[in-house]
Each structure stands twice: as structure tokens, then as C-alpha cells.
Amino acid sequence: MTRLTVAQVKDLQNQGGMTFSNGAITSNGTLTVSNIVINGNLTGSSGYIIPNQSGQPAGSFLTTNGSTLSWTSNSGNKGIPNSISVYNSNSTWNKPSGVKRIWVKCTGGGGGGSGYGESGAAGAHTETFVDVANINSISVTVGGQGGGVGYNSRAGNGGTSSFGNYCSSGGGQGANRRQQHDGSTGGNPNQGSVKIYGGSSQGHRNPPGLGHGGCSYWGGAAPTSHRSQQWAQRHRSHAAYGAGGSSGKNNERGGDGRQGIIVVYEFI
């Protein structure tokens, strides 16, 4: 067997080349390789070293946190919520295991209707994304419904819904709150990346009655009736969350508004 022992190899201009020392090979310039076959593991501290593929699920892809590379499984549900939490009353959102970001939809409560054609306005709606990688819990406040009243009294306003300091949606005004016999204005979207006013309501009608409440982000109000039977109040639970209360007829009590809602889409 022939052995050639050298400490250094340089080009004809005595530049660059390679140095051999203690089993290590060092390139003294730019190393250009058109084809390389590695029989073993490729290790080192360079930012260009790709993590070992052994044991990684098929379809995995490389991701970075800004300093290191790692393999991430392509689970097929990217962009799809891992879970959804829905709140119809005050509570606390507690982060499920593995969740890193959430998409919050927040709707205020609807105002109540009156008994003479004036209806209640809907609660506002706001939305935002929240990075919860370092957050474990967030307070949840859901705005209640405004109560309906008879004739042309001032009906109750809907309550404000909020999700911590990230989203806040004001409740819709009750009938006759803004001005006697006129329609009320929808709730104000106070805080969030997306801000939508609640639907406004109808004013006095002749003959009295048949005034639908304001529509919310989620849909319309309770039904009205041609006859005197408190239809809006009896069927107020059929209204969309945050919708205003529809009016009563001939001095009968107007319908209550519908309470707000908060929906949290949770992503891993």
C-alpha cells in the first residue's frame, strides 16, 4: 500500500488549497463541489448544516425560529383550528395544550325593543389574532341582552363584550334610547383588528308593531307578528347572537335583545 503524507495542498499560484492536521481537513479558500456523497453524518456549527432527516415523518419541512433549523411535521391541518371555544356568558379562556395563536370573534349584546314599533339595535363585532405562546389565560366578558319594554318607553341597552385587552364590542342601544320614536344605533366596535358596527333599528311605525331589531354579524332578529301576542318576546331565543330585540304591537312588550357571544379559534 502506498501512502502520501502531506500537511498542505495548494494550487499553482500557491494560494488557497487545503490543510491537514490531526485528522481534520480545512479549506483555505472557497470550496466548490459539483457532486458530493456523504457516507455518515454531517455535523458542525455552521448555519448551513441541515438537521438529520432520520426518524422524521414523511412530508416534513424545514422551519426556523430565526437562529436554528428544525423539522416540522406536515400534519395536513395547517390553517385549520385545532379546537374552538364558545362563550355565551362571562368566563375565563384557558389555553389548550400546544396552542400558539388564536383568532377571536367578539360580539356585543343587542338592545331591547318597545311595544310601539321601535326596535332595538344590534351589538358591534370585532376580531383579532392573538399570539398566546406565552399566555395561559384571558378574561372573557359577554354582553347581556337589553330588556324589552311596553309602548314607547326606553328599552334596555345591550352589554359590552370583551376578550381581555384584545377585543371589545359595545352593545346595541335599546328602543327609544337615542331619540323618542326613532331608530336606535348599533353598538360601537371599540377594540380589535376588524371593527364592525352593529345594525341599527327601526323607529315608530303605523300601524304600530312589525319593527325588526337590528341585525348583528351573526344574523337577524326575532320575528314580529301582525296580531297582538308578544311574538317577538316569545321567540327572542331564535334571534342571532347580538341581534336587537324586535318590537311588540299595540303597547305589548317589545322583545329582549339577544346576548353577545365570543368565539375563539385555537391553532397549534
Protein backbone atom coordinates (compact mmCIF):
# COMPACT_ATOMS: atom_id res chain seq x y z
CA MET A 1 0.00 0.00 0.00
CA THR A 2 1.29 3.45 -0.93
CA ARG A 3 0.73 6.31 1.49
CA LEU A 4 1.23 10.00 0.71
CA THR A 5 1.57 12.11 3.85
CA VAL A 6 1.21 15.87 3.44
CA ALA A 7 0.36 18.79 5.68
CA GLN A 8 -0.89 21.13 2.99
CA VAL A 9 -2.07 21.17 -0.62
CA LYS A 10 -2.06 24.43 -2.62
CA ASP A 11 -2.82 25.47 -6.15
CA LEU A 12 -0.21 26.52 -8.74
CA GLN A 13 -0.33 30.14 -7.53
CA ASN A 14 0.46 28.97 -4.01
CA GLN A 15 -2.99 30.17 -2.93
CA GLY A 16 -5.89 28.54 -1.12
CA GLY A 17 -5.69 24.81 -1.00
CA MET A 18 -6.32 22.57 1.96
CA THR A 19 -4.60 21.96 5.29
CA PHE A 20 -4.48 18.55 7.01
CA SER A 21 -3.99 18.45 10.77
CA ASN A 22 -4.95 15.88 13.43
CA GLY A 23 -7.47 14.18 11.17
CA ALA A 24 -9.16 17.43 10.20
CA ILE A 25 -9.28 18.92 6.70
CA THR A 26 -9.55 22.70 6.43
CA SER A 27 -10.30 24.59 3.23
CA ASN A 28 -8.15 27.71 2.96
CA GLY A 29 -10.45 29.36 0.45
CA THR A 30 -13.76 28.81 -1.26
CA LEU A 31 -14.55 25.11 -1.55
CA THR A 32 -16.56 24.39 -4.69
CA VAL A 33 -18.05 20.89 -5.02
CA SER A 34 -20.05 19.81 -8.05
CA ASN A 35 -21.05 16.48 -6.57
CA ILE A 36 -20.62 15.12 -3.07
CA VAL A 37 -21.50 11.79 -1.49
CA ILE A 38 -21.58 11.58 2.31
CA ASN A 39 -21.26 8.17 3.97
CA GLY A 40 -22.03 9.17 7.52
CA ASN A 41 -23.44 12.09 9.49
CA LEU A 42 -22.85 15.72 8.59
CA THR A 43 -22.27 17.72 11.76
CA GLY A 44 -20.90 21.09 12.78
CA SER A 45 -21.90 24.56 13.95
CA SER A 46 -22.47 26.21 10.61
CA GLY A 47 -25.89 27.70 9.97
CA TYR A 48 -25.99 25.72 6.73
CA ILE A 49 -25.97 22.29 8.39
CA ILE A 50 -29.37 20.67 7.83
CA PRO A 51 -30.77 18.66 10.78
CA ASN A 52 -30.65 14.89 10.39
CA GLN A 53 -33.62 13.51 8.47
CA SER A 54 -33.54 10.15 10.21
CA GLY A 55 -36.78 9.37 12.03
CA GLN A 56 -38.67 12.38 10.67
CA PRO A 57 -42.24 11.83 9.34
CA ALA A 58 -42.63 11.77 5.58
CA GLY A 59 -43.60 15.17 4.20
CA SER A 60 -41.87 17.12 6.98
CA PHE A 61 -40.44 20.51 6.09
CA LEU A 62 -37.71 22.75 7.50
CA THR A 63 -38.68 25.72 9.67
CA THR A 64 -36.62 28.27 11.57
CA ASN A 65 -37.09 30.37 14.68
CA GLY A 66 -34.53 32.86 13.43
CA SER A 67 -31.48 31.08 14.83
CA THR A 68 -31.84 27.33 14.31
CA LEU A 69 -33.39 24.99 11.75
CA SER A 70 -35.78 22.19 12.68
CA TRP A 71 -38.13 19.73 11.02
CA THR A 72 -41.89 20.37 11.26
CA SER A 73 -44.44 17.70 10.53
CA ASN A 74 -46.83 18.42 7.69
CA SER A 75 -49.90 17.21 9.56
CA GLY A 76 -52.29 18.34 6.84
CA ASN A 77 -54.27 20.73 9.07
CA LYS A 78 -52.23 23.89 8.70
CA GLY A 79 -54.56 26.87 8.80
CA ILE A 80 -57.35 24.78 10.36
CA PRO A 81 -58.22 25.37 14.05
CA ASN A 82 -57.16 22.63 16.39
CA SER A 83 -60.15 23.46 18.63
CA ILE A 84 -62.87 26.10 19.11
CA SER A 85 -64.14 27.63 22.37
CA VAL A 86 -67.54 29.38 22.50
CA TYR A 87 -68.72 31.68 25.31
CA ASN A 88 -72.27 32.93 25.95
CA SER A 89 -71.55 34.26 29.44
CA ASN A 90 -68.63 35.60 31.48
CA SER A 91 -65.77 33.17 31.90
CA THR A 92 -62.00 32.69 31.51
CA TRP A 93 -60.28 31.35 28.43
CA ASN A 94 -57.62 28.79 29.40
CA LYS A 95 -55.10 27.86 26.72
CA PRO A 96 -55.34 24.26 25.49
CA SER A 97 -52.09 22.33 25.31
CA GLY A 98 -49.96 23.14 22.28
CA VAL A 99 -51.97 26.19 21.15
CA LYS A 100 -49.80 29.10 19.98
CA ARG A 101 -52.18 31.52 18.23
CA ILE A 102 -55.90 32.26 18.49
CA TRP A 103 -58.44 34.06 16.32
CA VAL A 104 -61.04 35.86 18.44
CA LYS A 105 -64.53 36.94 17.32
CA CYS A 106 -66.31 39.19 19.83
CA THR A 107 -69.95 40.44 19.58
CA GLY A 108 -71.78 42.74 22.00
CA GLY A 109 -75.34 42.22 23.25
CA GLY A 110 -78.42 43.52 21.42
CA GLY A 111 -80.70 46.26 22.76
CA GLY A 112 -84.35 45.62 23.67
CA GLY A 113 -87.42 46.57 21.65
CA SER A 114 -90.52 48.56 22.64
CA GLY A 115 -94.23 47.99 22.21
CA TYR A 116 -94.98 50.64 19.62
CA GLY A 117 -92.92 49.75 16.59
CA GLU A 118 -89.49 50.85 17.81
CA SER A 119 -86.94 48.03 17.91
CA GLY A 120 -83.53 47.55 19.47
CA ALA A 121 -80.16 47.83 17.72
CA ALA A 122 -77.53 45.08 17.45
CA GLY A 123 -74.21 44.77 19.26
CA ALA A 124 -70.95 45.59 17.50
CA HIS A 125 -68.50 42.93 16.29
CA THR A 126 -64.69 42.89 16.46
CA GLU A 127 -62.00 40.35 15.59
CA THR A 128 -58.26 39.93 16.06
CA PHE A 129 -55.42 37.39 16.17
CA VAL A 130 -53.54 36.94 19.45
CA ASP A 131 -50.13 35.31 19.95
CA VAL A 132 -50.63 33.21 23.09
CA ALA A 133 -47.32 31.34 23.12
CA ASN A 134 -46.53 33.00 26.48
CA ILE A 135 -50.12 33.49 27.70
CA ASN A 136 -52.06 30.89 29.68
CA SER A 137 -55.43 32.55 30.34
CA ILE A 138 -57.51 35.58 29.29
CA SER A 139 -60.67 37.02 30.87
CA VAL A 140 -63.92 36.75 28.89
CA THR A 141 -66.84 39.17 29.28
CA VAL A 142 -70.03 38.58 27.27
CA GLY A 143 -72.51 41.44 26.99
CA GLY A 144 -76.03 40.64 28.12
CA GLN A 145 -79.23 41.48 26.28
CA GLY A 146 -81.21 44.70 26.72
CA GLY A 147 -84.70 44.15 28.10
CA GLY A 148 -87.81 44.93 26.06
CA VAL A 149 -90.45 47.44 27.23
CA GLY A 150 -94.04 48.41 26.51
CA TYR A 151 -95.37 51.34 24.45
CA ASN A 152 -92.61 53.95 23.85
CA SER A 153 -90.53 53.57 27.00
CA ARG A 154 -86.74 53.42 26.87
CA ALA A 155 -85.70 49.80 26.41
CA GLY A 156 -82.51 48.38 27.89
CA ASN A 157 -79.15 48.68 26.14
CA GLY A 158 -77.12 45.61 25.25
CA GLY A 159 -73.93 44.98 27.22
CA THR A 160 -70.32 45.25 26.06
CA SER A 161 -68.40 42.06 25.23
CA SER A 162 -64.63 41.91 25.61
CA PHE A 163 -61.77 39.43 25.41
CA GLY A 164 -59.02 40.67 27.69
CA ASN A 165 -57.48 43.82 26.23
CA TYR A 166 -57.57 42.45 22.68
CA CYS A 167 -61.23 42.84 21.58
CA SER A 168 -64.10 44.99 22.81
CA SER A 169 -67.56 45.35 21.23
CA GLY A 170 -70.20 47.71 22.55
CA GLY A 171 -73.83 46.68 22.95
CA GLY A 172 -76.65 47.96 20.77
CA GLN A 173 -78.94 50.72 22.03
CA GLY A 174 -82.42 49.89 23.26
CA ALA A 175 -85.54 51.25 21.56
CA ASN A 176 -86.17 54.99 22.12
CA ARG A 177 -82.73 55.43 23.70
CA ARG A 178 -81.31 57.71 21.04
CA GLN A 179 -84.46 59.73 20.39
CA GLN A 180 -88.12 59.16 21.13
CA HIS A 181 -89.87 57.09 18.44
CA ASP A 182 -86.74 56.95 16.24
CA GLY A 183 -84.48 54.03 15.48
CA SER A 184 -81.50 53.29 17.75
CA THR A 185 -77.88 52.98 16.65
CA GLY A 186 -75.85 49.80 16.73
CA GLY A 187 -73.03 49.16 19.15
CA ASN A 188 -69.59 50.70 18.70
CA PRO A 189 -66.63 48.42 17.81
CA ASN A 190 -64.16 49.63 20.41
CA GLN A 191 -61.06 47.49 20.01
CA GLY A 192 -59.82 44.89 17.54
CA SER A 193 -58.15 44.45 14.16
CA VAL A 194 -61.57 44.14 12.47
CA LYS A 195 -64.29 46.56 13.61
CA ILE A 196 -67.96 46.31 12.55
CA TYR A 197 -70.82 48.44 13.88
CA GLY A 198 -73.96 46.66 14.99
CA GLY A 199 -77.03 47.02 12.78
CA SER A 200 -79.32 49.93 13.66
CA SER A 201 -83.03 49.53 14.34
CA GLN A 202 -86.44 50.72 13.12
CA GLY A 203 -88.42 53.64 14.51
CA HIS A 204 -92.13 54.20 15.10
CA ARG A 205 -94.46 52.61 12.55
CA ASN A 206 -98.14 53.00 11.70
CA PRO A 207 -99.84 50.77 12.48
CA PRO A 208 -97.59 50.18 15.49
CA GLY A 209 -95.62 46.95 15.56
CA LEU A 210 -93.72 44.87 12.99
CA GLY A 211 -90.37 46.52 13.68
CA HIS A 212 -87.46 44.10 13.31
CA GLY A 213 -84.45 44.52 15.55
CA GLY A 214 -81.03 45.38 14.13
CA CYS A 215 -79.01 42.57 12.55
CA SER A 216 -75.72 41.51 14.11
CA TYR A 217 -72.64 40.00 12.47
CA TRP A 218 -74.21 36.56 13.04
CA GLY A 219 -77.66 37.26 11.56
CA GLY A 220 -81.12 38.73 12.09
CA ALA A 221 -83.56 39.42 14.89
CA ALA A 222 -86.61 37.60 16.30
CA PRO A 223 -89.86 37.53 14.29
CA THR A 224 -92.68 40.04 14.56
CA SER A 225 -96.41 39.40 14.37
CA HIS A 226 -99.45 41.03 12.75
CA ARG A 227 -101.52 40.01 15.76
CA SER A 228 -101.11 41.13 19.34
CA GLN A 229 -99.40 38.21 21.08
CA GLN A 230 -95.90 39.36 22.10
CA TRP A 231 -94.43 37.33 19.25
CA ALA A 232 -91.01 38.98 19.39
CA GLN A 233 -90.72 38.28 23.12
CA ARG A 234 -91.94 34.70 22.85
CA HIS A 235 -89.42 33.85 20.12
CA ARG A 236 -86.49 36.04 21.15
CA SER A 237 -84.23 32.98 21.51
CA HIS A 238 -84.48 32.45 17.72
CA ALA A 239 -82.57 35.66 17.06
CA ALA A 240 -78.89 35.58 16.14
CA TYR A 241 -76.39 36.37 18.90
CA GLY A 242 -76.05 40.11 19.38
CA ALA A 243 -79.22 40.97 17.40
CA GLY A 244 -81.56 43.73 18.61
CA GLY A 245 -85.00 42.99 20.06
CA SER A 246 -87.94 43.26 17.65
CA SER A 247 -90.91 45.42 18.60
CA GLY A 248 -94.21 44.42 20.11
CA LYS A 249 -97.62 45.54 18.79
CA ASN A 250 -100.24 47.83 20.32
CA ASN A 251 -98.31 48.55 23.50
CA GLU A 252 -97.33 44.95 24.17
CA ARG A 253 -93.85 44.45 25.45
CA GLY A 254 -91.10 44.50 22.84
CA GLY A 255 -88.69 41.59 22.62
CA ASP A 256 -85.46 41.38 24.58
CA GLY A 257 -82.29 41.68 22.56
CA ARG A 258 -80.02 38.64 22.22
CA GLN A 259 -76.92 38.34 24.37
CA GLY A 260 -73.50 38.64 22.79
CA ILE A 261 -71.06 35.86 22.01
CA ILE A 262 -67.30 35.29 21.92
CA VAL A 263 -65.79 32.58 19.72
CA VAL A 264 -62.10 31.62 19.99
CA TYR A 265 -60.47 29.58 17.18
CA GLU A 266 -57.33 27.87 18.56
CA PHE A 267 -54.32 26.99 16.40
CA ILE A 268 -51.31 24.85 17.25
